[in-house]
Amino acid sequence: MSREKKIYADQDPNWEGKDLKYWKLGFPRWWNPVFWLTVIMFPIIAGGYGFIQHTYALIMEIKRFFHNYKI
């Protein structure tokens, strides 16, 4: 195994994306809080959206049932 020092992409002088401010903000490293915020928050937001969407569909189904059968 090589013992050479690792060079990250944003520290490489030949890296073409070093001027991209949004890439620097969300660069995927374990100590980057913006990266972990997106890794943790996106599934939570997606789960919340899915829950709301399915709850709305269930409410519409119940509403349609009572509208059709006049109970």
C-alpha atoms as a PDB file:
ATOM      1  CA  MET A   1       0.000   0.000   0.000  1.00  0.00           C
ATOM      2  CA  SER A   2       1.314   3.404  -0.907  1.00  0.00           C
ATOM      3  CA  ARG A   3       2.398   5.727   1.889  1.00  0.00           C
ATOM      4  CA  GLU A   4       2.108   8.865  -0.244  1.00  0.00           C
ATOM      5  CA  LYS A   5       0.181  11.756   1.238  1.00  0.00           C
ATOM      6  CA  LYS A   6      -3.357  11.936  -0.080  1.00  0.00           C
ATOM      7  CA  ILE A   7      -4.353  15.082  -1.939  1.00  0.00           C
ATOM      8  CA  TYR A   8      -8.018  16.021  -1.818  1.00  0.00           C
ATOM      9  CA  ALA A   9      -9.594  17.338  -4.990  1.00  0.00           C
ATOM     10  CA  ASP A  10     -10.126  20.834  -3.621  1.00  0.00           C
ATOM     11  CA  GLN A  11      -6.459  21.027  -2.558  1.00  0.00           C
ATOM     12  CA  ASP A  12      -5.077  19.927  -5.920  1.00  0.00           C
ATOM     13  CA  PRO A  13      -3.655  22.903  -7.864  1.00  0.00           C
ATOM     14  CA  ASN A  14      -4.846  21.344 -11.156  1.00  0.00           C
ATOM     15  CA  TRP A  15      -8.425  20.816 -10.006  1.00  0.00           C
ATOM     16  CA  GLU A  16     -10.840  22.594 -12.360  1.00  0.00           C
ATOM     17  CA  GLY A  17     -13.626  23.040  -9.835  1.00  0.00           C
ATOM     18  CA  LYS A  18     -11.739  25.134  -7.310  1.00  0.00           C
ATOM     19  CA  ASP A  19     -13.609  28.304  -8.358  1.00  0.00           C
ATOM     20  CA  LEU A  20     -17.060  26.788  -7.819  1.00  0.00           C
ATOM     21  CA  LYS A  21     -18.263  28.317  -4.564  1.00  0.00           C
ATOM     22  CA  TYR A  22     -21.202  25.935  -4.141  1.00  0.00           C
ATOM     23  CA  TRP A  23     -18.962  22.894  -4.558  1.00  0.00           C
ATOM     24  CA  LYS A  24     -16.633  24.230  -1.875  1.00  0.00           C
ATOM     25  CA  LEU A  25     -19.616  24.768   0.406  1.00  0.00           C
ATOM     26  CA  GLY A  26     -20.922  21.216   0.010  1.00  0.00           C
ATOM     27  CA  PHE A  27     -17.653  19.359  -0.539  1.00  0.00           C
ATOM     28  CA  PRO A  28     -18.245  15.815   0.767  1.00  0.00           C
ATOM     29  CA  ARG A  29     -15.901  15.463   3.697  1.00  0.00           C
ATOM     30  CA  TRP A  30     -16.805  14.010   7.056  1.00  0.00           C
ATOM     31  CA  TRP A  31     -16.206  17.304   8.903  1.00  0.00           C
ATOM     32  CA  ASN A  32     -18.260  19.460   6.551  1.00  0.00           C
ATOM     33  CA  PRO A  33     -21.491  20.352   8.419  1.00  0.00           C
ATOM     34  CA  VAL A  34     -23.332  21.367   5.232  1.00  0.00           C
ATOM     35  CA  PHE A  35     -22.648  17.940   3.719  1.00  0.00           C
ATOM     36  CA  TRP A  36     -23.937  16.111   6.809  1.00  0.00           C
ATOM     37  CA  LEU A  37     -26.937  18.404   7.051  1.00  0.00           C
ATOM     38  CA  THR A  38     -27.960  17.382   3.538  1.00  0.00           C
ATOM     39  CA  VAL A  39     -27.172  13.708   4.161  1.00  0.00           C
ATOM     40  CA  ILE A  40     -29.345  13.690   7.284  1.00  0.00           C
ATOM     41  CA  MET A  41     -32.053  16.179   6.294  1.00  0.00           C
ATOM     42  CA  PHE A  42     -32.888  14.973   2.757  1.00  0.00           C
ATOM     43  CA  PRO A  43     -34.236  11.574   3.909  1.00  0.00           C
ATOM     44  CA  ILE A  44     -36.164  13.250   6.731  1.00  0.00           C
ATOM     45  CA  ILE A  45     -37.682  15.799   4.335  1.00  0.00           C
ATOM     46  CA  ALA A  46     -38.479  13.055   1.798  1.00  0.00           C
ATOM     47  CA  GLY A  47     -40.104  10.940   4.510  1.00  0.00           C
ATOM     48  CA  GLY A  48     -42.174  13.881   5.712  1.00  0.00           C
ATOM     49  CA  TYR A  49     -43.258  14.702   2.179  1.00  0.00           C
ATOM     50  CA  GLY A  50     -44.205  11.070   1.530  1.00  0.00           C
ATOM     51  CA  PHE A  51     -46.168  10.922   4.781  1.00  0.00           C
ATOM     52  CA  ILE A  52     -48.107  14.091   3.925  1.00  0.00           C
ATOM     53  CA  GLN A  53     -48.739  12.909   0.370  1.00  0.00           C
ATOM     54  CA  HIS A  54     -50.081   9.508   1.467  1.00  0.00           C
ATOM     55  CA  THR A  55     -52.140  11.040   4.264  1.00  0.00           C
ATOM     56  CA  TYR A  56     -53.725  13.425   1.761  1.00  0.00           C
ATOM     57  CA  ALA A  57     -54.472  10.517  -0.607  1.00  0.00           C
ATOM     58  CA  LEU A  58     -56.085   8.577   2.253  1.00  0.00           C
ATOM     59  CA  ILE A  59     -58.201  11.576   3.260  1.00  0.00           C
ATOM     60  CA  MET A  60     -59.357  12.014  -0.345  1.00  0.00           C
ATOM     61  CA  GLU A  61     -60.275   8.312  -0.519  1.00  0.00           C
ATOM     62  CA  ILE A  62     -62.323   8.568   2.691  1.00  0.00           C
ATOM     63  CA  LYS A  63     -63.963  11.769   1.454  1.00  0.00           C
ATOM     64  CA  ARG A  64     -64.815  10.120  -1.871  1.00  0.00           C
ATOM     65  CA  PHE A  65     -66.313   7.115  -0.043  1.00  0.00           C
ATOM     66  CA  PHE A  66     -68.628   9.257   2.081  1.00  0.00           C
ATOM     67  CA  HIS A  67     -69.550  11.400  -0.905  1.00  0.00           C
ATOM     68  CA  ASN A  68     -70.486   8.373  -3.021  1.00  0.00           C
ATOM     69  CA  TYR A  69     -72.423   6.385  -0.400  1.00  0.00           C
ATOM     70  CA  LYS A  70     -74.036   9.178   1.657  1.00  0.00           C
ATOM     71  CA  ILE A  71     -73.636   7.430   5.002  1.00  0.00           C
END
